[in-house]
Amino acid sequence: MHIAVVGLSHRTAPVEVREKLSIPEELVEKSFNTLKKIDQILEVSILSTCNRLEIYSLVKDPQSGIEAIKSFLLEFSGLEDEILSPHLFNFIQEKAVSHVMRVSAGLDSLVLGEGQILSQVKKNGPPWSRPPKSRTYFK
């Protein structure tokens, strides 16, 4: 089992690309269900705000899991790989955990130290960041 995050933010993508990947509240559950059906993905969580889209996951194989999430993002956005891929980032294991800590602390926000992101991460952030009682395993 490997921790992975795939996403983009105001630091990596222009607003035109971020708009294509913004998942409205009414589509989060459908997107979540689509992702959890992917064999490589054991757990998944979606963090979608106006300045970022990040998909946190526990995957069987890091490369295969990341590629599966990228495929989902390409299909969801309707963007060509050449347009989307340069704006995506991905981290695994310790780097993924370090990234979510920076995001939670507001260190990766448009306004440095902005506090609203912490509540968004608590609500929709990575599955391993929530207490075991609230976690759900999908397989």
N, C-alpha and C. Protein backbone atom coordinates (compact mmCIF):
# COMPACT_ATOMS: atom_id res chain seq x y z
N MET A 1 0.85 -1.17 0.00
CA MET A 1 0.00 0.00 0.00
C MET A 1 0.91 1.24 0.00
N HIS A 2 0.59 2.20 -0.89
CA HIS A 2 1.41 3.40 -1.03
C HIS A 2 0.52 4.64 -0.99
N ILE A 3 1.01 5.66 -0.33
CA ILE A 3 0.31 6.94 -0.27
C ILE A 3 0.69 7.73 -1.52
N ALA A 4 -0.31 8.31 -2.17
CA ALA A 4 -0.04 9.11 -3.37
C ALA A 4 -0.99 10.31 -3.41
N VAL A 5 -0.50 11.37 -4.01
CA VAL A 5 -1.34 12.53 -4.30
C VAL A 5 -1.03 12.98 -5.72
N VAL A 6 -2.09 13.29 -6.45
CA VAL A 6 -1.98 13.84 -7.80
C VAL A 6 -2.84 15.08 -7.82
N GLY A 7 -2.32 16.16 -8.37
CA GLY A 7 -3.14 17.36 -8.41
C GLY A 7 -2.51 18.51 -9.16
N LEU A 8 -3.16 19.64 -9.01
CA LEU A 8 -2.65 20.89 -9.56
C LEU A 8 -3.15 22.01 -8.66
N SER A 9 -2.48 23.14 -8.78
CA SER A 9 -2.87 24.28 -7.94
C SER A 9 -2.57 25.57 -8.66
N HIS A 10 -2.82 26.67 -7.97
CA HIS A 10 -2.53 28.00 -8.52
C HIS A 10 -1.04 28.16 -8.82
N ARG A 11 -0.21 27.35 -8.20
CA ARG A 11 1.24 27.41 -8.45
C ARG A 11 1.64 26.68 -9.73
N THR A 12 0.85 25.69 -10.14
CA THR A 12 1.26 24.85 -11.26
C THR A 12 0.43 25.02 -12.52
N ALA A 13 -0.75 25.63 -12.39
CA ALA A 13 -1.66 25.67 -13.54
C ALA A 13 -2.36 27.02 -13.65
N PRO A 14 -2.53 27.49 -14.88
CA PRO A 14 -3.29 28.72 -15.07
C PRO A 14 -4.77 28.49 -14.77
N VAL A 15 -5.47 29.58 -14.56
CA VAL A 15 -6.89 29.49 -14.19
C VAL A 15 -7.70 28.74 -15.23
N GLU A 16 -7.35 28.85 -16.51
CA GLU A 16 -8.10 28.17 -17.57
C GLU A 16 -8.05 26.65 -17.40
N VAL A 17 -6.91 26.13 -16.96
CA VAL A 17 -6.77 24.69 -16.73
C VAL A 17 -7.46 24.31 -15.43
N ARG A 18 -7.27 25.09 -14.38
CA ARG A 18 -7.91 24.80 -13.09
C ARG A 18 -9.43 24.77 -13.22
N GLU A 19 -9.98 25.66 -14.03
CA GLU A 19 -11.44 25.69 -14.22
C GLU A 19 -11.95 24.37 -14.80
N LYS A 20 -11.19 23.78 -15.71
CA LYS A 20 -11.61 22.52 -16.34
C LYS A 20 -11.59 21.36 -15.35
N LEU A 21 -10.79 21.49 -14.28
CA LEU A 21 -10.66 20.41 -13.32
C LEU A 21 -11.37 20.68 -12.00
N SER A 22 -12.04 21.79 -11.90
CA SER A 22 -12.80 22.06 -10.69
C SER A 22 -13.98 21.10 -10.65
N ILE A 23 -14.08 20.36 -9.56
CA ILE A 23 -15.18 19.40 -9.42
C ILE A 23 -16.25 20.05 -8.55
N PRO A 24 -17.38 20.42 -9.14
CA PRO A 24 -18.44 21.03 -8.34
C PRO A 24 -18.97 20.06 -7.29
N GLU A 25 -19.47 20.61 -6.21
CA GLU A 25 -19.98 19.82 -5.08
C GLU A 25 -20.90 18.69 -5.54
N GLU A 26 -21.77 18.97 -6.50
CA GLU A 26 -22.74 17.95 -6.93
C GLU A 26 -22.09 16.81 -7.73
N LEU A 27 -20.84 16.98 -8.18
CA LEU A 27 -20.16 15.91 -8.92
C LEU A 27 -19.08 15.21 -8.12
N VAL A 28 -18.84 15.66 -6.90
CA VAL A 28 -17.78 15.05 -6.09
C VAL A 28 -18.07 13.58 -5.83
N GLU A 29 -19.29 13.25 -5.43
CA GLU A 29 -19.62 11.86 -5.12
C GLU A 29 -19.49 10.97 -6.35
N LYS A 30 -19.95 11.44 -7.49
CA LYS A 30 -19.83 10.66 -8.73
C LYS A 30 -18.36 10.44 -9.07
N SER A 31 -17.54 11.49 -8.95
CA SER A 31 -16.11 11.37 -9.23
C SER A 31 -15.45 10.41 -8.25
N PHE A 32 -15.81 10.53 -6.99
CA PHE A 32 -15.30 9.66 -5.95
C PHE A 32 -15.63 8.20 -6.27
N ASN A 33 -16.88 7.93 -6.65
CA ASN A 33 -17.29 6.56 -6.98
C ASN A 33 -16.56 6.02 -8.20
N THR A 34 -16.33 6.88 -9.18
CA THR A 34 -15.57 6.47 -10.36
C THR A 34 -14.15 6.08 -9.97
N LEU A 35 -13.52 6.90 -9.15
CA LEU A 35 -12.14 6.62 -8.72
C LEU A 35 -12.04 5.36 -7.88
N LYS A 36 -12.99 5.16 -6.98
CA LYS A 36 -12.87 4.00 -6.09
C LYS A 36 -13.13 2.68 -6.81
N LYS A 37 -13.66 2.73 -8.03
CA LYS A 37 -13.85 1.51 -8.83
C LYS A 37 -12.56 1.06 -9.51
N ILE A 38 -11.56 1.92 -9.53
CA ILE A 38 -10.28 1.59 -10.17
C ILE A 38 -9.53 0.59 -9.30
N ASP A 39 -9.13 -0.50 -9.89
CA ASP A 39 -8.50 -1.60 -9.16
C ASP A 39 -7.26 -1.15 -8.37
N GLN A 40 -6.49 -0.23 -8.89
CA GLN A 40 -5.25 0.21 -8.24
C GLN A 40 -5.51 1.04 -6.98
N ILE A 41 -6.70 1.60 -6.86
CA ILE A 41 -6.98 2.53 -5.78
C ILE A 41 -7.69 1.82 -4.63
N LEU A 42 -7.05 1.86 -3.45
CA LEU A 42 -7.61 1.23 -2.26
C LEU A 42 -8.47 2.21 -1.47
N GLU A 43 -8.03 3.45 -1.37
CA GLU A 43 -8.76 4.52 -0.71
C GLU A 43 -8.55 5.78 -1.53
N VAL A 44 -9.52 6.67 -1.47
CA VAL A 44 -9.38 7.91 -2.25
C VAL A 44 -10.15 9.03 -1.58
N SER A 45 -9.67 10.24 -1.79
CA SER A 45 -10.32 11.42 -1.28
C SER A 45 -10.03 12.56 -2.24
N ILE A 46 -11.00 13.45 -2.43
CA ILE A 46 -10.87 14.55 -3.38
C ILE A 46 -10.93 15.87 -2.64
N LEU A 47 -9.93 16.71 -2.87
CA LEU A 47 -9.92 18.07 -2.34
C LEU A 47 -10.02 19.01 -3.53
N SER A 48 -11.17 19.64 -3.69
CA SER A 48 -11.40 20.53 -4.82
C SER A 48 -11.80 21.91 -4.29
N THR A 49 -10.95 22.89 -4.54
CA THR A 49 -11.23 24.27 -4.16
C THR A 49 -11.05 25.14 -5.39
N CYS A 50 -11.25 26.44 -5.23
CA CYS A 50 -11.08 27.32 -6.39
C CYS A 50 -9.62 27.41 -6.85
N ASN A 51 -8.68 27.10 -5.97
CA ASN A 51 -7.27 27.22 -6.32
C ASN A 51 -6.53 25.91 -6.45
N ARG A 52 -7.22 24.79 -6.24
CA ARG A 52 -6.52 23.51 -6.34
C ARG A 52 -7.50 22.36 -6.52
N LEU A 53 -6.99 21.30 -7.13
CA LEU A 53 -7.66 20.01 -7.14
C LEU A 53 -6.59 19.00 -6.80
N GLU A 54 -6.81 18.25 -5.74
CA GLU A 54 -5.86 17.22 -5.33
C GLU A 54 -6.62 15.94 -5.03
N ILE A 55 -6.10 14.85 -5.55
CA ILE A 55 -6.68 13.55 -5.29
C ILE A 55 -5.67 12.76 -4.47
N TYR A 56 -6.06 12.50 -3.22
CA TYR A 56 -5.23 11.74 -2.30
C TYR A 56 -5.68 10.30 -2.36
N SER A 57 -4.72 9.38 -2.31
CA SER A 57 -5.11 7.98 -2.41
C SER A 57 -4.11 7.05 -1.75
N LEU A 58 -4.60 5.88 -1.44
CA LEU A 58 -3.76 4.75 -1.10
C LEU A 58 -3.87 3.83 -2.31
N VAL A 59 -2.73 3.51 -2.89
CA VAL A 59 -2.71 2.73 -4.13
C VAL A 59 -1.87 1.47 -3.95
N LYS A 60 -2.15 0.48 -4.77
CA LYS A 60 -1.39 -0.76 -4.73
C LYS A 60 0.03 -0.54 -5.25
N ASP A 61 0.14 0.10 -6.40
CA ASP A 61 1.43 0.38 -7.03
C ASP A 61 1.50 1.87 -7.33
N PRO A 62 2.55 2.56 -6.92
CA PRO A 62 2.58 4.01 -7.10
C PRO A 62 2.42 4.47 -8.55
N GLN A 63 3.19 3.90 -9.45
CA GLN A 63 3.12 4.35 -10.85
C GLN A 63 1.76 4.05 -11.49
N SER A 64 1.28 2.84 -11.29
CA SER A 64 -0.01 2.46 -11.88
C SER A 64 -1.15 3.27 -11.27
N GLY A 65 -1.10 3.50 -9.98
CA GLY A 65 -2.13 4.30 -9.31
C GLY A 65 -2.14 5.74 -9.79
N ILE A 66 -0.96 6.33 -9.89
CA ILE A 66 -0.84 7.71 -10.37
C ILE A 66 -1.34 7.82 -11.81
N GLU A 67 -0.97 6.86 -12.64
CA GLU A 67 -1.43 6.87 -14.04
C GLU A 67 -2.95 6.72 -14.12
N ALA A 68 -3.52 5.91 -13.27
CA ALA A 68 -4.99 5.73 -13.27
C ALA A 68 -5.68 7.04 -12.89
N ILE A 69 -5.13 7.74 -11.91
CA ILE A 69 -5.71 9.03 -11.50
C ILE A 69 -5.54 10.06 -12.61
N LYS A 70 -4.38 10.09 -13.25
CA LYS A 70 -4.18 11.01 -14.38
C LYS A 70 -5.18 10.73 -15.50
N SER A 71 -5.43 9.46 -15.76
CA SER A 71 -6.42 9.10 -16.80
C SER A 71 -7.80 9.62 -16.43
N PHE A 72 -8.16 9.47 -15.16
CA PHE A 72 -9.44 10.02 -14.69
C PHE A 72 -9.49 11.53 -14.93
N LEU A 73 -8.42 12.24 -14.57
CA LEU A 73 -8.39 13.69 -14.73
C LEU A 73 -8.48 14.11 -16.19
N LEU A 74 -7.83 13.38 -17.06
CA LEU A 74 -7.91 13.67 -18.50
C LEU A 74 -9.34 13.50 -19.00
N GLU A 75 -9.96 12.41 -18.61
CA GLU A 75 -11.34 12.16 -19.04
C GLU A 75 -12.29 13.20 -18.45
N PHE A 76 -12.15 13.49 -17.18
CA PHE A 76 -13.04 14.45 -16.52
C PHE A 76 -12.93 15.83 -17.14
N SER A 77 -11.69 16.28 -17.39
CA SER A 77 -11.47 17.64 -17.88
C SER A 77 -11.71 17.79 -19.38
N GLY A 78 -11.55 16.70 -20.12
CA GLY A 78 -11.65 16.79 -21.57
C GLY A 78 -10.42 17.42 -22.20
N LEU A 79 -9.38 17.65 -21.41
CA LEU A 79 -8.14 18.24 -21.92
C LEU A 79 -7.25 17.17 -22.53
N GLU A 80 -6.43 17.58 -23.47
CA GLU A 80 -5.44 16.68 -24.06
C GLU A 80 -4.29 16.50 -23.07
N ASP A 81 -3.65 15.34 -23.12
CA ASP A 81 -2.54 15.03 -22.24
C ASP A 81 -1.43 16.09 -22.31
N GLU A 82 -1.14 16.57 -23.51
CA GLU A 82 -0.08 17.57 -23.69
C GLU A 82 -0.40 18.89 -23.00
N ILE A 83 -1.68 19.17 -22.82
CA ILE A 83 -2.09 20.42 -22.17
C ILE A 83 -2.14 20.22 -20.65
N LEU A 84 -2.68 19.10 -20.19
CA LEU A 84 -2.86 18.89 -18.75
C LEU A 84 -1.60 18.45 -18.03
N SER A 85 -0.91 17.47 -18.54
CA SER A 85 0.21 16.85 -17.81
C SER A 85 1.28 17.81 -17.31
N PRO A 86 1.67 18.84 -18.08
CA PRO A 86 2.71 19.74 -17.56
C PRO A 86 2.31 20.48 -16.28
N HIS A 87 1.02 20.54 -16.01
CA HIS A 87 0.53 21.28 -14.84
C HIS A 87 0.27 20.40 -13.62
N LEU A 88 0.32 19.09 -13.81
CA LEU A 88 0.05 18.17 -12.71
C LEU A 88 1.30 17.90 -11.89
N PHE A 89 1.11 17.70 -10.61
CA PHE A 89 2.19 17.22 -9.75
C PHE A 89 1.74 15.91 -9.14
N ASN A 90 2.69 15.12 -8.71
CA ASN A 90 2.36 13.92 -7.96
C ASN A 90 3.47 13.65 -6.97
N PHE A 91 3.07 13.16 -5.82
CA PHE A 91 4.00 12.81 -4.76
C PHE A 91 3.59 11.47 -4.18
N ILE A 92 4.58 10.73 -3.71
CA ILE A 92 4.28 9.46 -3.05
C ILE A 92 4.95 9.41 -1.68
N GLN A 93 4.37 8.58 -0.84
CA GLN A 93 4.86 8.31 0.51
C GLN A 93 5.16 9.59 1.30
N GLU A 94 6.37 9.75 1.80
CA GLU A 94 6.70 10.87 2.69
C GLU A 94 6.45 12.22 2.03
N LYS A 95 6.74 12.32 0.74
CA LYS A 95 6.54 13.60 0.04
C LYS A 95 5.05 13.94 -0.06
N ALA A 96 4.21 12.92 -0.19
CA ALA A 96 2.76 13.15 -0.23
C ALA A 96 2.27 13.64 1.13
N VAL A 97 2.76 13.04 2.19
CA VAL A 97 2.37 13.45 3.54
C VAL A 97 2.88 14.86 3.82
N SER A 98 4.12 15.14 3.46
CA SER A 98 4.69 16.49 3.64
C SER A 98 3.86 17.52 2.88
N HIS A 99 3.44 17.16 1.67
CA HIS A 99 2.64 18.08 0.86
C HIS A 99 1.32 18.42 1.55
N VAL A 100 0.60 17.41 2.04
CA VAL A 100 -0.69 17.68 2.67
C VAL A 100 -0.51 18.49 3.96
N MET A 101 0.60 18.32 4.63
CA MET A 101 0.87 19.13 5.83
C MET A 101 1.08 20.60 5.45
N ARG A 102 1.80 20.84 4.36
CA ARG A 102 2.01 22.22 3.88
C ARG A 102 0.67 22.83 3.45
N VAL A 103 -0.14 22.05 2.75
CA VAL A 103 -1.45 22.54 2.31
C VAL A 103 -2.32 22.86 3.53
N SER A 104 -2.37 21.95 4.48
CA SER A 104 -3.20 22.12 5.69
C SER A 104 -2.80 23.35 6.49
N ALA A 105 -1.51 23.62 6.53
CA ALA A 105 -1.00 24.76 7.29
C ALA A 105 -1.16 26.09 6.55
N GLY A 106 -1.64 26.03 5.32
CA GLY A 106 -1.81 27.25 4.54
C GLY A 106 -0.52 27.74 3.91
N LEU A 107 0.52 26.90 3.92
CA LEU A 107 1.81 27.30 3.36
C LEU A 107 1.84 27.19 1.84
N ASP A 108 0.84 26.54 1.27
CA ASP A 108 0.76 26.40 -0.18
C ASP A 108 -0.46 27.15 -0.73
N SER A 109 -0.99 28.05 0.08
CA SER A 109 -2.19 28.80 -0.31
C SER A 109 -1.81 30.07 -1.07
N LEU A 110 -2.77 30.57 -1.83
CA LEU A 110 -2.57 31.82 -2.55
C LEU A 110 -2.26 32.94 -1.56
N VAL A 111 -2.97 32.94 -0.44
CA VAL A 111 -2.70 33.87 0.66
C VAL A 111 -1.99 33.05 1.73
N LEU A 112 -0.70 33.28 1.91
CA LEU A 112 0.11 32.50 2.83
C LEU A 112 -0.52 32.46 4.23
N GLY A 113 -0.69 31.25 4.77
CA GLY A 113 -1.23 31.08 6.11
C GLY A 113 -2.74 31.09 6.18
N GLU A 114 -3.41 31.19 5.05
CA GLU A 114 -4.87 31.21 4.99
C GLU A 114 -5.41 29.98 5.73
N GLY A 115 -6.38 30.18 6.61
CA GLY A 115 -6.85 29.13 7.48
C GLY A 115 -8.00 28.29 6.98
N GLN A 116 -8.73 28.76 5.98
CA GLN A 116 -9.90 28.03 5.49
C GLN A 116 -9.53 26.67 4.93
N ILE A 117 -8.33 26.55 4.37
CA ILE A 117 -7.93 25.29 3.75
C ILE A 117 -7.89 24.16 4.77
N LEU A 118 -7.55 24.46 6.02
CA LEU A 118 -7.49 23.40 7.04
C LEU A 118 -8.84 22.72 7.21
N SER A 119 -9.92 23.49 7.26
CA SER A 119 -11.24 22.87 7.40
C SER A 119 -11.60 22.08 6.15
N GLN A 120 -11.15 22.55 4.97
CA GLN A 120 -11.42 21.81 3.74
C GLN A 120 -10.65 20.48 3.72
N VAL A 121 -9.42 20.52 4.21
CA VAL A 121 -8.63 19.28 4.27
C VAL A 121 -9.24 18.32 5.29
N LYS A 122 -9.67 18.83 6.43
CA LYS A 122 -10.30 17.97 7.45
C LYS A 122 -11.54 17.28 6.87
N LYS A 123 -12.31 18.03 6.09
CA LYS A 123 -13.54 17.49 5.54
C LYS A 123 -13.28 16.53 4.37
N ASN A 124 -12.39 16.91 3.47
CA ASN A 124 -12.22 16.17 2.22
C ASN A 124 -10.82 15.69 1.95
N GLY A 125 -9.91 15.89 2.88
CA GLY A 125 -8.52 15.57 2.64
C GLY A 125 -8.22 14.09 2.61
N PRO A 126 -6.95 13.76 2.70
CA PRO A 126 -6.53 12.37 2.54
C PRO A 126 -7.14 11.44 3.57
N PRO A 127 -7.48 10.23 3.15
CA PRO A 127 -8.12 9.29 4.05
C PRO A 127 -7.28 8.97 5.27
N TRP A 128 -5.97 8.97 5.12
CA TRP A 128 -5.10 8.62 6.26
C TRP A 128 -5.01 9.76 7.27
N SER A 129 -5.54 10.95 6.95
CA SER A 129 -5.49 12.07 7.88
C SER A 129 -6.69 12.10 8.82
N ARG A 130 -7.68 11.24 8.56
CA ARG A 130 -8.87 11.19 9.41
C ARG A 130 -8.75 10.05 10.41
N PRO A 131 -9.44 10.16 11.51
CA PRO A 131 -9.39 9.07 12.50
C PRO A 131 -9.89 7.76 11.90
N PRO A 132 -9.36 6.62 12.34
CA PRO A 132 -9.77 5.33 11.77
C PRO A 132 -11.27 5.11 11.78
N LYS A 133 -11.99 5.62 12.77
CA LYS A 133 -13.44 5.44 12.85
C LYS A 133 -14.15 6.02 11.62
N SER A 134 -13.62 7.12 11.06
CA SER A 134 -14.28 7.77 9.93
C SER A 134 -13.73 7.33 8.59
N ARG A 135 -12.71 6.47 8.61
CA ARG A 135 -12.12 6.01 7.36
C ARG A 135 -12.93 4.89 6.75
N THR A 136 -12.92 4.83 5.46
CA THR A 136 -13.59 3.75 4.76
C THR A 136 -12.62 3.13 3.77
N TYR A 137 -12.50 1.83 3.77
CA TYR A 137 -11.64 1.14 2.81
C TYR A 137 -12.51 0.65 1.68
N PHE A 138 -12.03 0.78 0.49
CA PHE A 138 -12.77 0.35 -0.69
C PHE A 138 -11.99 -0.74 -1.40
N LYS A 139 -12.56 -1.88 -1.52
CA LYS A 139 -11.97 -2.98 -2.27
C LYS A 139 -12.97 -4.10 -2.32
